[in-house]
């Protein structure tokens, strides 16, 4: 499987499942970049004025750039 980028939000009802999925991929030998964003909720990155949202979007863009450079 290709490398994976996973991001979970602290107050997302599916947070634990997302983290578990990332850990399962890691145990299977898949390279995984797993980010847990404290203080966030599902979809919170849509609030573009929030500093944490800006960091989330920058981190995602950086991960995409790294993946496309390979």
Protein backbone atom coordinates (compact mmCIF):
# COMPACT_ATOMS: atom_id res chain seq x y z
CA UNK A 1 0.00 0.00 0.00
CA UNK A 2 1.16 3.57 -0.58
CA UNK A 3 2.11 5.83 2.33
CA UNK A 4 -0.82 7.32 4.22
CA UNK A 5 -1.50 10.70 5.78
CA UNK A 6 -4.19 10.61 8.48
CA UNK A 7 -5.45 13.48 10.58
CA UNK A 8 -7.95 13.18 13.40
CA UNK A 9 -9.79 15.84 15.38
CA UNK A 10 -9.94 15.67 19.18
CA UNK A 11 -13.72 16.11 19.32
CA UNK A 12 -14.66 13.93 16.33
CA UNK A 13 -16.87 10.95 17.21
CA UNK A 14 -14.74 8.83 14.84
CA UNK A 15 -11.40 9.96 16.29
CA UNK A 16 -10.55 6.65 17.94
CA UNK A 17 -11.41 4.70 14.79
CA UNK A 18 -9.15 6.97 12.73
CA UNK A 19 -6.26 6.52 15.15
CA UNK A 20 -6.88 2.77 15.24
CA UNK A 21 -6.85 2.61 11.45
CA UNK A 22 -3.54 4.46 11.34
CA UNK A 23 -2.03 2.12 13.92
CA UNK A 24 -3.28 -0.92 11.98
CA UNK A 25 -1.61 0.39 8.85
CA UNK A 26 1.62 0.94 10.79
CA UNK A 27 1.50 -2.61 12.17
CA UNK A 28 1.06 -3.84 8.60
CA UNK A 29 4.22 -2.04 7.51
CA UNK A 30 2.55 0.87 5.73
CA UNK A 31 4.32 4.22 6.17
CA UNK A 32 1.85 6.44 8.03
CA UNK A 33 1.91 10.08 9.05
CA UNK A 34 -0.73 10.33 11.81
CA UNK A 35 -1.75 13.71 13.21
CA UNK A 36 -4.08 14.24 16.17
CA UNK A 37 -5.24 17.86 16.28
CA UNK A 38 -6.10 18.88 19.87
CA UNK A 39 -9.01 21.25 20.40
CA UNK A 40 -10.52 20.58 16.97
CA UNK A 41 -13.75 19.00 15.77
CA UNK A 42 -14.78 17.36 12.50
CA UNK A 43 -14.71 20.01 9.81
CA UNK A 44 -13.13 22.67 11.99
CA UNK A 45 -10.48 23.41 9.37
CA UNK A 46 -13.25 25.14 7.42
CA UNK A 47 -12.93 28.01 9.92
CA UNK A 48 -10.09 29.58 7.99
CA UNK A 49 -9.47 32.38 10.49
CA UNK A 50 -8.51 29.90 13.23
CA UNK A 51 -4.76 29.47 13.70
CA UNK A 52 -5.10 25.70 14.17
CA UNK A 53 -7.01 25.47 10.88
CA UNK A 54 -4.24 27.33 9.10
CA UNK A 55 -1.68 24.91 10.59
CA UNK A 56 -3.82 21.91 9.56
CA UNK A 57 -4.13 23.10 5.98
CA UNK A 58 -0.42 23.94 5.78
CA UNK A 59 0.48 20.50 7.13
CA UNK A 60 -1.81 18.79 4.62
CA UNK A 61 -0.37 20.84 1.74
CA UNK A 62 3.17 19.93 2.86
CA UNK A 63 2.25 16.23 2.96
CA UNK A 64 0.82 16.45 -0.55
CA UNK A 65 3.95 18.19 -1.81
CA UNK A 66 6.14 15.47 -0.26
CA UNK A 67 4.01 12.71 -1.80
CA UNK A 68 4.02 14.27 -5.25
CA UNK A 69 7.79 14.83 -5.12
CA UNK A 70 8.45 11.08 -4.70
